[in-house]
Amino acid sequence: FEAHKEHILINKIPVQFLVPYNDLLTEAV
C-alpha cells in the first residue's frame, strides 16, 4: 500500500492515521 500526502491508500481509499492530540481523543480511543 502506498502513502499519498497524509494518507495511506488502501484499495484506493485514503486512510488518515491520527495520533490523539488531546485528552478527549485519548479517552475516546
mmCIF file of all heavy atoms, coordinates in Angstrom:
data_MODEL
# 
_entry.id   MODEL 
# 
loop_
_atom_site.group_PDB 
_atom_site.id 
_atom_site.type_symbol 
_atom_site.label_atom_id 
_atom_site.label_alt_id 
_atom_site.label_comp_id 
_atom_site.label_asym_id 
_atom_site.label_entity_id 
_atom_site.label_seq_id 
_atom_site.pdbx_PDB_ins_code 
_atom_site.Cartn_x 
_atom_site.Cartn_y 
_atom_site.Cartn_z 
_atom_site.occupancy 
_atom_site.B_iso_or_equiv 
_atom_site.pdbx_formal_charge 
_atom_site.auth_seq_id 
_atom_site.auth_comp_id 
_atom_site.auth_asym_id 
_atom_site.auth_atom_id 
_atom_site.pdbx_PDB_model_num 
ATOM 1   N N   . PHE A 1 1  ? 0.843   -1.197 0.000  1.00 0.00 ? 1  PHE A N   1 
ATOM 2   C CA  . PHE A 1 1  ? 0.000   0.000  0.000  1.00 0.00 ? 1  PHE A CA  1 
ATOM 3   C C   . PHE A 1 1  ? 0.878   1.247  0.000  1.00 0.00 ? 1  PHE A C   1 
ATOM 4   O O   . PHE A 1 1  ? 1.894   1.294  0.683  1.00 0.00 ? 1  PHE A O   1 
ATOM 5   C CB  . PHE A 1 1  ? -0.947  0.001  1.202  1.00 0.00 ? 1  PHE A CB  1 
ATOM 6   C CG  . PHE A 1 1  ? -1.870  -1.184 1.221  1.00 0.00 ? 1  PHE A CG  1 
ATOM 7   C CD1 . PHE A 1 1  ? -1.631  -2.249 2.080  1.00 0.00 ? 1  PHE A CD1 1 
ATOM 8   C CD2 . PHE A 1 1  ? -2.955  -1.255 0.362  1.00 0.00 ? 1  PHE A CD2 1 
ATOM 9   C CE1 . PHE A 1 1  ? -2.467  -3.348 2.087  1.00 0.00 ? 1  PHE A CE1 1 
ATOM 10  C CE2 . PHE A 1 1  ? -3.798  -2.359 0.362  1.00 0.00 ? 1  PHE A CE2 1 
ATOM 11  C CZ  . PHE A 1 1  ? -3.558  -3.406 1.226  1.00 0.00 ? 1  PHE A CZ  1 
ATOM 12  N N   . GLU A 1 2  ? 0.472   2.234  -0.760 1.00 0.00 ? 2  GLU A N   1 
ATOM 13  C CA  . GLU A 1 2  ? 1.266   3.451  -0.928 1.00 0.00 ? 2  GLU A CA  1 
ATOM 14  C C   . GLU A 1 2  ? 0.757   4.593  -0.053 1.00 0.00 ? 2  GLU A C   1 
ATOM 15  O O   . GLU A 1 2  ? -0.438  4.701  0.208  1.00 0.00 ? 2  GLU A O   1 
ATOM 16  C CB  . GLU A 1 2  ? 1.200   3.919  -2.384 1.00 0.00 ? 2  GLU A CB  1 
ATOM 17  C CG  . GLU A 1 2  ? 1.811   2.979  -3.377 1.00 0.00 ? 2  GLU A CG  1 
ATOM 18  C CD  . GLU A 1 2  ? 1.694   3.499  -4.798 1.00 0.00 ? 2  GLU A CD  1 
ATOM 19  O OE1 . GLU A 1 2  ? 1.413   4.697  -4.997 1.00 0.00 ? 2  GLU A OE1 1 
ATOM 20  O OE2 . GLU A 1 2  ? 1.885   2.697  -5.710 1.00 0.00 ? 2  GLU A OE2 1 
ATOM 21  N N   . ALA A 1 3  ? 1.695   5.433  0.322  1.00 0.00 ? 3  ALA A N   1 
ATOM 22  C CA  . ALA A 1 3  ? 1.346   6.671  1.009  1.00 0.00 ? 3  ALA A CA  1 
ATOM 23  C C   . ALA A 1 3  ? 1.108   7.735  -0.058 1.00 0.00 ? 3  ALA A C   1 
ATOM 24  O O   . ALA A 1 3  ? 1.806   7.785  -1.071 1.00 0.00 ? 3  ALA A O   1 
ATOM 25  C CB  . ALA A 1 3  ? 2.460   7.094  1.945  1.00 0.00 ? 3  ALA A CB  1 
ATOM 26  N N   . HIS A 1 4  ? 0.094   8.557  0.155  1.00 0.00 ? 4  HIS A N   1 
ATOM 27  C CA  . HIS A 1 4  ? -0.191  9.685  -0.728 1.00 0.00 ? 4  HIS A CA  1 
ATOM 28  C C   . HIS A 1 4  ? -0.568  10.870 0.147  1.00 0.00 ? 4  HIS A C   1 
ATOM 29  O O   . HIS A 1 4  ? -1.609  10.845 0.816  1.00 0.00 ? 4  HIS A O   1 
ATOM 30  C CB  . HIS A 1 4  ? -1.317  9.353  -1.700 1.00 0.00 ? 4  HIS A CB  1 
ATOM 31  C CG  . HIS A 1 4  ? -1.678  10.488 -2.608 1.00 0.00 ? 4  HIS A CG  1 
ATOM 32  N ND1 . HIS A 1 4  ? -0.839  10.917 -3.603 1.00 0.00 ? 4  HIS A ND1 1 
ATOM 33  C CD2 . HIS A 1 4  ? -2.761  11.282 -2.652 1.00 0.00 ? 4  HIS A CD2 1 
ATOM 34  C CE1 . HIS A 1 4  ? -1.404  11.935 -4.228 1.00 0.00 ? 4  HIS A CE1 1 
ATOM 35  N NE2 . HIS A 1 4  ? -2.579  12.182 -3.667 1.00 0.00 ? 4  HIS A NE2 1 
ATOM 36  N N   . LYS A 1 5  ? 0.302   11.877 0.183  1.00 0.00 ? 5  LYS A N   1 
ATOM 37  C CA  . LYS A 1 5  ? 0.149   13.027 1.075  1.00 0.00 ? 5  LYS A CA  1 
ATOM 38  C C   . LYS A 1 5  ? 0.032   12.506 2.501  1.00 0.00 ? 5  LYS A C   1 
ATOM 39  O O   . LYS A 1 5  ? 0.896   11.763 2.949  1.00 0.00 ? 5  LYS A O   1 
ATOM 40  C CB  . LYS A 1 5  ? -1.018  13.903 0.654  1.00 0.00 ? 5  LYS A CB  1 
ATOM 41  C CG  . LYS A 1 5  ? -0.831  14.518 -0.717 1.00 0.00 ? 5  LYS A CG  1 
ATOM 42  C CD  . LYS A 1 5  ? -1.973  15.425 -1.077 1.00 0.00 ? 5  LYS A CD  1 
ATOM 43  C CE  . LYS A 1 5  ? -1.762  15.989 -2.486 1.00 0.00 ? 5  LYS A CE  1 
ATOM 44  N NZ  . LYS A 1 5  ? -2.861  16.848 -2.900 1.00 0.00 ? 5  LYS A NZ  1 
ATOM 45  N N   . GLU A 1 6  ? -1.030  12.878 3.222  1.00 0.00 ? 6  GLU A N   1 
ATOM 46  C CA  . GLU A 1 6  ? -1.163  12.442 4.611  1.00 0.00 ? 6  GLU A CA  1 
ATOM 47  C C   . GLU A 1 6  ? -1.915  11.125 4.755  1.00 0.00 ? 6  GLU A C   1 
ATOM 48  O O   . GLU A 1 6  ? -2.220  10.694 5.872  1.00 0.00 ? 6  GLU A O   1 
ATOM 49  C CB  . GLU A 1 6  ? -1.852  13.533 5.458  1.00 0.00 ? 6  GLU A CB  1 
ATOM 50  C CG  . GLU A 1 6  ? -3.307  13.733 5.164  1.00 0.00 ? 6  GLU A CG  1 
ATOM 51  C CD  . GLU A 1 6  ? -3.614  14.723 4.042  1.00 0.00 ? 6  GLU A CD  1 
ATOM 52  O OE1 . GLU A 1 6  ? -2.724  15.042 3.245  1.00 0.00 ? 6  GLU A OE1 1 
ATOM 53  O OE2 . GLU A 1 6  ? -4.768  15.160 3.959  1.00 0.00 ? 6  GLU A OE2 1 
ATOM 54  N N   . HIS A 1 7  ? -2.202  10.460 3.663  1.00 0.00 ? 7  HIS A N   1 
ATOM 55  C CA  . HIS A 1 7  ? -2.990  9.230  3.680  1.00 0.00 ? 7  HIS A CA  1 
ATOM 56  C C   . HIS A 1 7  ? -2.177  8.010  3.262  1.00 0.00 ? 7  HIS A C   1 
ATOM 57  O O   . HIS A 1 7  ? -1.173  8.131  2.569  1.00 0.00 ? 7  HIS A O   1 
ATOM 58  C CB  . HIS A 1 7  ? -4.172  9.345  2.714  1.00 0.00 ? 7  HIS A CB  1 
ATOM 59  C CG  . HIS A 1 7  ? -5.116  10.438 3.059  1.00 0.00 ? 7  HIS A CG  1 
ATOM 60  N ND1 . HIS A 1 7  ? -5.088  11.658 2.439  1.00 0.00 ? 7  HIS A ND1 1 
ATOM 61  C CD2 . HIS A 1 7  ? -6.117  10.502 3.968  1.00 0.00 ? 7  HIS A CD2 1 
ATOM 62  C CE1 . HIS A 1 7  ? -6.030  12.428 2.935  1.00 0.00 ? 7  HIS A CE1 1 
ATOM 63  N NE2 . HIS A 1 7  ? -6.673  11.755 3.880  1.00 0.00 ? 7  HIS A NE2 1 
ATOM 64  N N   . ILE A 1 8  ? -2.673  6.857  3.651  1.00 0.00 ? 8  ILE A N   1 
ATOM 65  C CA  . ILE A 1 8  ? -2.238  5.596  3.070  1.00 0.00 ? 8  ILE A CA  1 
ATOM 66  C C   . ILE A 1 8  ? -3.422  5.109  2.246  1.00 0.00 ? 8  ILE A C   1 
ATOM 67  O O   . ILE A 1 8  ? -4.558  5.075  2.736  1.00 0.00 ? 8  ILE A O   1 
ATOM 68  C CB  . ILE A 1 8  ? -1.855  4.572  4.156  1.00 0.00 ? 8  ILE A CB  1 
ATOM 69  C CG1 . ILE A 1 8  ? -0.623  5.071  4.925  1.00 0.00 ? 8  ILE A CG1 1 
ATOM 70  C CG2 . ILE A 1 8  ? -1.577  3.210  3.528  1.00 0.00 ? 8  ILE A CG2 1 
ATOM 71  C CD1 . ILE A 1 8  ? -0.213  4.212  6.088  1.00 0.00 ? 8  ILE A CD1 1 
ATOM 72  N N   . LEU A 1 9  ? -3.171  4.780  0.991  1.00 0.00 ? 9  LEU A N   1 
ATOM 73  C CA  . LEU A 1 9  ? -4.246  4.315  0.113  1.00 0.00 ? 9  LEU A CA  1 
ATOM 74  C C   . LEU A 1 9  ? -4.409  2.812  0.288  1.00 0.00 ? 9  LEU A C   1 
ATOM 75  O O   . LEU A 1 9  ? -3.508  2.035  -0.034 1.00 0.00 ? 9  LEU A O   1 
ATOM 76  C CB  . LEU A 1 9  ? -3.940  4.662  -1.344 1.00 0.00 ? 9  LEU A CB  1 
ATOM 77  C CG  . LEU A 1 9  ? -3.796  6.152  -1.649 1.00 0.00 ? 9  LEU A CG  1 
ATOM 78  C CD1 . LEU A 1 9  ? -3.419  6.361  -3.107 1.00 0.00 ? 9  LEU A CD1 1 
ATOM 79  C CD2 . LEU A 1 9  ? -5.082  6.893  -1.318 1.00 0.00 ? 9  LEU A CD2 1 
ATOM 80  N N   . ILE A 1 10 ? -5.571  2.432  0.799  1.00 0.00 ? 10 ILE A N   1 
ATOM 81  C CA  . ILE A 1 10 ? -5.869  1.017  1.000  1.00 0.00 ? 10 ILE A CA  1 
ATOM 82  C C   . ILE A 1 10 ? -7.026  0.678  0.065  1.00 0.00 ? 10 ILE A C   1 
ATOM 83  O O   . ILE A 1 10 ? -8.148  1.149  0.260  1.00 0.00 ? 10 ILE A O   1 
ATOM 84  C CB  . ILE A 1 10 ? -6.204  0.715  2.472  1.00 0.00 ? 10 ILE A CB  1 
ATOM 85  C CG1 . ILE A 1 10 ? -4.990  1.082  3.331  1.00 0.00 ? 10 ILE A CG1 1 
ATOM 86  C CG2 . ILE A 1 10 ? -6.598  -0.755 2.640  1.00 0.00 ? 10 ILE A CG2 1 
ATOM 87  C CD1 . ILE A 1 10 ? -5.162  0.917  4.795  1.00 0.00 ? 10 ILE A CD1 1 
ATOM 88  N N   . ASN A 1 11 ? -6.695  -0.078 -0.964 1.00 0.00 ? 11 ASN A N   1 
ATOM 89  C CA  . ASN A 1 11 ? -7.659  -0.376 -2.027 1.00 0.00 ? 11 ASN A CA  1 
ATOM 90  C C   . ASN A 1 11 ? -8.265  0.910  -2.591 1.00 0.00 ? 11 ASN A C   1 
ATOM 91  O O   . ASN A 1 11 ? -9.477  1.017  -2.751 1.00 0.00 ? 11 ASN A O   1 
ATOM 92  C CB  . ASN A 1 11 ? -8.734  -1.349 -1.553 1.00 0.00 ? 11 ASN A CB  1 
ATOM 93  C CG  . ASN A 1 11 ? -8.158  -2.684 -1.151 1.00 0.00 ? 11 ASN A CG  1 
ATOM 94  O OD1 . ASN A 1 11 ? -7.061  -3.060 -1.563 1.00 0.00 ? 11 ASN A OD1 1 
ATOM 95  N ND2 . ASN A 1 11 ? -8.872  -3.417 -0.330 1.00 0.00 ? 11 ASN A ND2 1 
ATOM 96  N N   . LYS A 1 12 ? -7.399  1.880  -2.820 1.00 0.00 ? 12 LYS A N   1 
ATOM 97  C CA  . LYS A 1 12 ? -7.725  3.189  -3.399 1.00 0.00 ? 12 LYS A CA  1 
ATOM 98  C C   . LYS A 1 12 ? -8.516  4.103  -2.461 1.00 0.00 ? 12 LYS A C   1 
ATOM 99  O O   . LYS A 1 12 ? -8.929  5.181  -2.843 1.00 0.00 ? 12 LYS A O   1 
ATOM 100 C CB  . LYS A 1 12 ? -8.448  3.046  -4.737 1.00 0.00 ? 12 LYS A CB  1 
ATOM 101 C CG  . LYS A 1 12 ? -7.620  2.331  -5.780 1.00 0.00 ? 12 LYS A CG  1 
ATOM 102 C CD  . LYS A 1 12 ? -8.334  2.258  -7.105 1.00 0.00 ? 12 LYS A CD  1 
ATOM 103 C CE  . LYS A 1 12 ? -7.475  1.482  -8.097 1.00 0.00 ? 12 LYS A CE  1 
ATOM 104 N NZ  . LYS A 1 12 ? -8.141  1.327  -9.373 1.00 0.00 ? 12 LYS A NZ  1 
ATOM 105 N N   . ILE A 1 13 ? -8.720  3.679  -1.223 1.00 0.00 ? 13 ILE A N   1 
ATOM 106 C CA  . ILE A 1 13 ? -9.432  4.506  -0.247 1.00 0.00 ? 13 ILE A CA  1 
ATOM 107 C C   . ILE A 1 13 ? -8.398  5.199  0.637  1.00 0.00 ? 13 ILE A C   1 
ATOM 108 O O   . ILE A 1 13 ? -7.554  4.532  1.247  1.00 0.00 ? 13 ILE A O   1 
ATOM 109 C CB  . ILE A 1 13 ? -10.381 3.649  0.624  1.00 0.00 ? 13 ILE A CB  1 
ATOM 110 C CG1 . ILE A 1 13 ? -11.435 2.976  -0.261 1.00 0.00 ? 13 ILE A CG1 1 
ATOM 111 C CG2 . ILE A 1 13 ? -11.031 4.496  1.715  1.00 0.00 ? 13 ILE A CG2 1 
ATOM 112 C CD1 . ILE A 1 13 ? -12.248 1.924  0.452  1.00 0.00 ? 13 ILE A CD1 1 
ATOM 113 N N   . PRO A 1 14 ? -8.446  6.539  0.713  1.00 0.00 ? 14 PRO A N   1 
ATOM 114 C CA  . PRO A 1 14 ? -7.479  7.246  1.563  1.00 0.00 ? 14 PRO A CA  1 
ATOM 115 C C   . PRO A 1 14 ? -7.807  7.057  3.054  1.00 0.00 ? 14 PRO A C   1 
ATOM 116 O O   . PRO A 1 14 ? -8.932  7.291  3.490  1.00 0.00 ? 14 PRO A O   1 
ATOM 117 C CB  . PRO A 1 14 ? -7.621  8.704  1.142  1.00 0.00 ? 14 PRO A CB  1 
ATOM 118 C CG  . PRO A 1 14 ? -8.911  8.801  0.408  1.00 0.00 ? 14 PRO A CG  1 
ATOM 119 C CD  . PRO A 1 14 ? -9.304  7.440  -0.031 1.00 0.00 ? 14 PRO A CD  1 
ATOM 120 N N   . VAL A 1 15 ? -6.798  6.609  3.788  1.00 0.00 ? 15 VAL A N   1 
ATOM 121 C CA  . VAL A 1 15 ? -6.942  6.395  5.227  1.00 0.00 ? 15 VAL A CA  1 
ATOM 122 C C   . VAL A 1 15 ? -5.923  7.297  5.918  1.00 0.00 ? 15 VAL A C   1 
ATOM 123 O O   . VAL A 1 15 ? -4.740  7.270  5.594  1.00 0.00 ? 15 VAL A O   1 
ATOM 124 C CB  . VAL A 1 15 ? -6.695  4.921  5.610  1.00 0.00 ? 15 VAL A CB  1 
ATOM 125 C CG1 . VAL A 1 15 ? -6.817  4.728  7.119  1.00 0.00 ? 15 VAL A CG1 1 
ATOM 126 C CG2 . VAL A 1 15 ? -7.652  4.005  4.856  1.00 0.00 ? 15 VAL A CG2 1 
ATOM 127 N N   . GLN A 1 16 ? -6.416  8.112  6.843  1.00 0.00 ? 16 GLN A N   1 
ATOM 128 C CA  . GLN A 1 16 ? -5.535  9.000  7.588  1.00 0.00 ? 16 GLN A CA  1 
ATOM 129 C C   . GLN A 1 16 ? -5.364  8.456  8.998  1.00 0.00 ? 16 GLN A C   1 
ATOM 130 O O   . GLN A 1 16 ? -6.352  8.223  9.709  1.00 0.00 ? 16 GLN A O   1 
ATOM 131 C CB  . GLN A 1 16 ? -6.091  10.418 7.631  1.00 0.00 ? 16 GLN A CB  1 
ATOM 132 C CG  . GLN A 1 16 ? -5.147  11.390 8.279  1.00 0.00 ? 16 GLN A CG  1 
ATOM 133 C CD  . GLN A 1 16 ? -5.615  12.833 8.164  1.00 0.00 ? 16 GLN A CD  1 
ATOM 134 O OE1 . GLN A 1 16 ? -6.798  13.096 8.015  1.00 0.00 ? 16 GLN A OE1 1 
ATOM 135 N NE2 . GLN A 1 16 ? -4.678  13.750 8.230  1.00 0.00 ? 16 GLN A NE2 1 
ATOM 136 N N   . PHE A 1 17 ? -4.120  8.242  9.387  1.00 0.00 ? 17 PHE A N   1 
ATOM 137 C CA  . PHE A 1 17 ? -3.808  7.770  10.735 1.00 0.00 ? 17 PHE A CA  1 
ATOM 138 C C   . PHE A 1 17 ? -3.460  8.970  11.589 1.00 0.00 ? 17 PHE A C   1 
ATOM 139 O O   . PHE A 1 17 ? -2.573  9.753  11.252 1.00 0.00 ? 17 PHE A O   1 
ATOM 140 C CB  . PHE A 1 17 ? -2.670  6.749  10.691 1.00 0.00 ? 17 PHE A CB  1 
ATOM 141 C CG  . PHE A 1 17 ? -3.100  5.451  10.081 1.00 0.00 ? 17 PHE A CG  1 
ATOM 142 C CD1 . PHE A 1 17 ? -2.985  5.242  8.721  1.00 0.00 ? 17 PHE A CD1 1 
ATOM 143 C CD2 . PHE A 1 17 ? -3.669  4.464  10.864 1.00 0.00 ? 17 PHE A CD2 1 
ATOM 144 C CE1 . PHE A 1 17 ? -3.416  4.055  8.139  1.00 0.00 ? 17 PHE A CE1 1 
ATOM 145 C CE2 . PHE A 1 17 ? -4.112  3.271  10.295 1.00 0.00 ? 17 PHE A CE2 1 
ATOM 146 C CZ  . PHE A 1 17 ? -3.978  3.063  8.926  1.00 0.00 ? 17 PHE A CZ  1 
ATOM 147 N N   . LEU A 1 18 ? -4.184  9.107  12.689 1.00 0.00 ? 18 LEU A N   1 
ATOM 148 C CA  . LEU A 1 18 ? -4.039  10.258 13.568 1.00 0.00 ? 18 LEU A CA  1 
ATOM 149 C C   . LEU A 1 18 ? -3.692  9.777  14.977 1.00 0.00 ? 18 LEU A C   1 
ATOM 150 O O   . LEU A 1 18 ? -4.307  8.830  15.478 1.00 0.00 ? 18 LEU A O   1 
ATOM 151 C CB  . LEU A 1 18 ? -5.342  11.057 13.613 1.00 0.00 ? 18 LEU A CB  1 
ATOM 152 C CG  . LEU A 1 18 ? -5.880  11.509 12.257 1.00 0.00 ? 18 LEU A CG  1 
ATOM 153 C CD1 . LEU A 1 18 ? -7.365  11.827 12.350 1.00 0.00 ? 18 LEU A CD1 1 
ATOM 154 C CD2 . LEU A 1 18 ? -5.100  12.718 11.793 1.00 0.00 ? 18 LEU A CD2 1 
ATOM 155 N N   . VAL A 1 19 ? -2.732  10.418 15.573 1.00 0.00 ? 19 VAL A N   1 
ATOM 156 C CA  . VAL A 1 19 ? -2.410  10.134 16.966 1.00 0.00 ? 19 VAL A CA  1 
ATOM 157 C C   . VAL A 1 19 ? -3.227  11.108 17.804 1.00 0.00 ? 19 VAL A C   1 
ATOM 158 O O   . VAL A 1 19 ? -3.242  12.305 17.522 1.00 0.00 ? 19 VAL A O   1 
ATOM 159 C CB  . VAL A 1 19 ? -0.898  10.308 17.216 1.00 0.00 ? 19 VAL A CB  1 
ATOM 160 C CG1 . VAL A 1 19 ? -0.572  10.088 18.683 1.00 0.00 ? 19 VAL A CG1 1 
ATOM 161 C CG2 . VAL A 1 19 ? -0.112  9.346  16.337 1.00 0.00 ? 19 VAL A CG2 1 
ATOM 162 N N   . PRO A 1 20 ? -3.955  10.617 18.812 1.00 0.00 ? 20 PRO A N   1 
ATOM 163 C CA  . PRO A 1 20 ? -4.740  11.535 19.644 1.00 0.00 ? 20 PRO A CA  1 
ATOM 164 C C   . PRO A 1 20 ? -3.867  12.662 20.176 1.00 0.00 ? 20 PRO A C   1 
ATOM 165 O O   . PRO A 1 20 ? -2.805  12.419 20.740 1.00 0.00 ? 20 PRO A O   1 
ATOM 166 C CB  . PRO A 1 20 ? -5.251  10.639 20.776 1.00 0.00 ? 20 PRO A CB  1 
ATOM 167 C CG  . PRO A 1 20 ? -5.254  9.262  20.187 1.00 0.00 ? 20 PRO A CG  1 
ATOM 168 C CD  . PRO A 1 20 ? -4.070  9.234  19.258 1.00 0.00 ? 20 PRO A CD  1 
ATOM 169 N N   . TYR A 1 21 ? -4.339  13.880 19.983 1.00 0.00 ? 21 TYR A N   1 
ATOM 170 C CA  . TYR A 1 21 ? -3.533  15.050 20.338 1.00 0.00 ? 21 TYR A CA  1 
ATOM 171 C C   . TYR A 1 21 ? -4.070  15.781 21.561 1.00 0.00 ? 21 TYR A C   1 
ATOM 172 O O   . TYR A 1 21 ? -3.561  16.845 21.908 1.00 0.00 ? 21 TYR A O   1 
ATOM 173 C CB  . TYR A 1 21 ? -3.449  16.019 19.153 1.00 0.00 ? 21 TYR A CB  1 
ATOM 174 C CG  . TYR A 1 21 ? -4.785  16.360 18.536 1.00 0.00 ? 21 TYR A CG  1 
ATOM 175 C CD1 . TYR A 1 21 ? -5.579  17.376 19.048 1.00 0.00 ? 21 TYR A CD1 1 
ATOM 176 C CD2 . TYR A 1 21 ? -5.254  15.636 17.455 1.00 0.00 ? 21 TYR A CD2 1 
ATOM 177 C CE1 . TYR A 1 21 ? -6.803  17.667 18.502 1.00 0.00 ? 21 TYR A CE1 1 
ATOM 178 C CE2 . TYR A 1 21 ? -6.487  15.925 16.890 1.00 0.00 ? 21 TYR A CE2 1 
ATOM 179 C CZ  . TYR A 1 21 ? -7.256  16.944 17.411 1.00 0.00 ? 21 TYR A CZ  1 
ATOM 180 O OH  . TYR A 1 21 ? -8.478  17.216 16.871 1.00 0.00 ? 21 TYR A OH  1 
ATOM 181 N N   . ASN A 1 22 ? -5.070  15.205 22.222 1.00 0.00 ? 22 ASN A N   1 
ATOM 182 C CA  . ASN A 1 22 ? -5.549  15.796 23.465 1.00 0.00 ? 22 ASN A CA  1 
ATOM 183 C C   . ASN A 1 22 ? -6.214  14.713 24.319 1.00 0.00 ? 22 ASN A C   1 
ATOM 184 O O   . ASN A 1 22 ? -6.380  13.569 23.883 1.00 0.00 ? 22 ASN A O   1 
ATOM 185 C CB  . ASN A 1 22 ? -6.489  16.989 23.207 1.00 0.00 ? 22 ASN A CB  1 
ATOM 186 C CG  . ASN A 1 22 ? -7.758  16.607 22.474 1.00 0.00 ? 22 ASN A CG  1 
ATOM 187 O OD1 . ASN A 1 22 ? -8.286  15.504 22.621 1.00 0.00 ? 22 ASN A OD1 1 
ATOM 188 N ND2 . ASN A 1 22 ? -8.264  17.521 21.657 1.00 0.00 ? 22 ASN A ND2 1 
ATOM 189 N N   . ASP A 1 23 ? -6.580  15.085 25.533 1.00 0.00 ? 23 ASP A N   1 
ATOM 190 C CA  . ASP A 1 23 ? -7.157  14.119 26.477 1.00 0.00 ? 23 ASP A CA  1 
ATOM 191 C C   . ASP A 1 23 ? -8.464  13.520 25.978 1.00 0.00 ? 23 ASP A C   1 
ATOM 192 O O   . ASP A 1 23 ? -8.719  12.331 26.177 1.00 0.00 ? 23 ASP A O   1 
ATOM 193 C CB  . ASP A 1 23 ? -7.368  14.771 27.845 1.00 0.00 ? 23 ASP A CB  1 
ATOM 194 C CG  . ASP A 1 23 ? -6.064  15.105 28.549 1.00 0.00 ? 23 ASP A CG  1 
ATOM 195 O OD1 . ASP A 1 23 ? -5.018  14.530 28.178 1.00 0.00 ? 23 ASP A OD1 1 
ATOM 196 O OD2 . ASP A 1 23 ? -6.086  15.949 29.468 1.00 0.00 ? 23 ASP A OD2 1 
ATOM 197 N N   . LEU A 1 24 ? -9.309  14.336 25.344 1.00 0.00 ? 24 LEU A N   1 
ATOM 198 C CA  . LEU A 1 24 ? -10.592 13.835 24.856 1.00 0.00 ? 24 LEU A CA  1 
ATOM 199 C C   . LEU A 1 24 ? -10.383 12.710 23.841 1.00 0.00 ? 24 LEU A C   1 
ATOM 200 O O   . LEU A 1 24 ? -11.017 11.655 23.937 1.00 0.00 ? 24 LEU A O   1 
ATOM 201 C CB  . LEU A 1 24 ? -11.417 14.971 24.224 1.00 0.00 ? 24 LEU A CB  1 
ATOM 202 C CG  . LEU A 1 24 ? -12.714 14.554 23.530 1.00 0.00 ? 24 LEU A CG  1 
ATOM 203 C CD1 . LEU A 1 24 ? -13.666 13.845 24.483 1.00 0.00 ? 24 LEU A CD1 1 
ATOM 204 C CD2 . LEU A 1 24 ? -13.382 15.764 22.896 1.00 0.00 ? 24 LEU A CD2 1 
ATOM 205 N N   . LEU A 1 25 ? -9.491  12.899 22.897 1.00 0.00 ? 25 LEU A N   1 
ATOM 206 C CA  . LEU A 1 25 ? -9.261  11.884 21.870 1.00 0.00 ? 25 LEU A CA  1 
ATOM 207 C C   . LEU A 1 25 ? -8.612  10.630 22.448 1.00 0.00 ? 25 LEU A C   1 
ATOM 208 O O   . LEU A 1 25 ? -8.970  9.509  22.068 1.00 0.00 ? 25 LEU A O   1 
ATOM 209 C CB  . LEU A 1 25 ? -8.413  12.454 20.738 1.00 0.00 ? 25 LEU A CB  1 
ATOM 210 C CG  . LEU A 1 25 ? -9.134  13.501 19.884 1.00 0.00 ? 25 LEU A CG  1 
ATOM 211 C CD1 . LEU A 1 25 ? -8.163  14.225 18.977 1.00 0.00 ? 25 LEU A CD1 1 
ATOM 212 C CD2 . LEU A 1 25 ? -10.248 12.869 19.079 1.00 0.00 ? 25 LEU A CD2 1 
ATOM 213 N N   . THR A 1 26 ? -7.691  10.809 23.386 1.00 0.00 ? 26 THR A N   1 
ATOM 214 C CA  . THR A 1 26 ? -7.064  9.647  24.023 1.00 0.00 ? 26 THR A CA  1 
ATOM 215 C C   . THR A 1 26 ? -8.106  8.842  24.786 1.00 0.00 ? 26 THR A C   1 
ATOM 216 O O   . THR A 1 26 ? -8.150  7.611  24.697 1.00 0.00 ? 26 THR A O   1 
ATOM 217 C CB  . THR A 1 26 ? -5.934  10.105 24.977 1.00 0.00 ? 26 THR A CB  1 
ATOM 218 O OG1 . THR A 1 26 ? -4.977  10.854 24.213 1.00 0.00 ? 26 THR A OG1 1 
ATOM 219 C CG2 . THR A 1 26 ? -5.257  8.932  25.642 1.00 0.00 ? 26 THR A CG2 1 
ATOM 220 N N   . GLU A 1 27 ? -8.954  9.533  25.516 1.00 0.00 ? 27 GLU A N   1 
ATOM 221 C CA  . GLU A 1 27 ? -10.042 8.890  26.259 1.00 0.00 ? 27 GLU A CA  1 
ATOM 222 C C   . GLU A 1 27 ? -11.001 8.184  25.299 1.00 0.00 ? 27 GLU A C   1 
ATOM 223 O O   . GLU A 1 27 ? -11.426 7.053  25.544 1.00 0.00 ? 27 GLU A O   1 
ATOM 224 C CB  . GLU A 1 27 ? -10.778 9.980  27.051 1.00 0.00 ? 27 GLU A CB  1 
ATOM 225 C CG  . GLU A 1 27 ? -11.865 9.519  27.961 1.00 0.00 ? 27 GLU A CG  1 
ATOM 226 C CD  . GLU A 1 27 ? -12.510 10.708 28.681 1.00 0.00 ? 27 GLU A CD  1 
ATOM 227 O OE1 . GLU A 1 27 ? -11.802 11.595 29.191 1.00 0.00 ? 27 GLU A OE1 1 
ATOM 228 O OE2 . GLU A 1 27 ? -13.754 10.729 28.719 1.00 0.00 ? 27 GLU A OE2 1 
ATOM 229 N N   . ALA A 1 28 ? -11.321 8.844  24.189 1.00 0.00 ? 28 ALA A N   1 
ATOM 230 C CA  . ALA A 1 28 ? -12.253 8.280  23.203 1.00 0.00 ? 28 ALA A CA  1 
ATOM 231 C C   . ALA A 1 28 ? -11.727 6.968  22.629 1.00 0.00 ? 28 ALA A C   1 
ATOM 232 O O   . ALA A 1 28 ? -12.486 6.001  22.481 1.00 0.00 ? 28 ALA A O   1 
ATOM 233 C CB  . ALA A 1 28 ? -12.503 9.292  22.084 1.00 0.00 ? 28 ALA A CB  1 
ATOM 234 N N   . VAL A 1 29 ? -10.436 6.917  22.322 1.00 0.00 ? 29 VAL A N   1 
ATOM 235 C CA  . VAL A 1 29 ? -9.850  5.676  21.794 1.00 0.00 ? 29 VAL A CA  1 
ATOM 236 C C   . VAL A 1 29 ? -9.884  4.585  22.864 1.00 0.00 ? 29 VAL A C   1 
ATOM 237 O O   . VAL A 1 29 ? -10.226 3.434  22.580 1.00 0.00 ? 29 VAL A O   1 
ATOM 238 C CB  . VAL A 1 29 ? -8.416  5.904  21.275 1.00 0.00 ? 29 VAL A CB  1 
ATOM 239 C CG1 . VAL A 1 29 ? -7.754  4.581  20.879 1.00 0.00 ? 29 VAL A CG1 1 
ATOM 240 C CG2 . VAL A 1 29 ? -8.416  6.872  20.081 1.00 0.00 ? 29 VAL A CG2 1 
# 
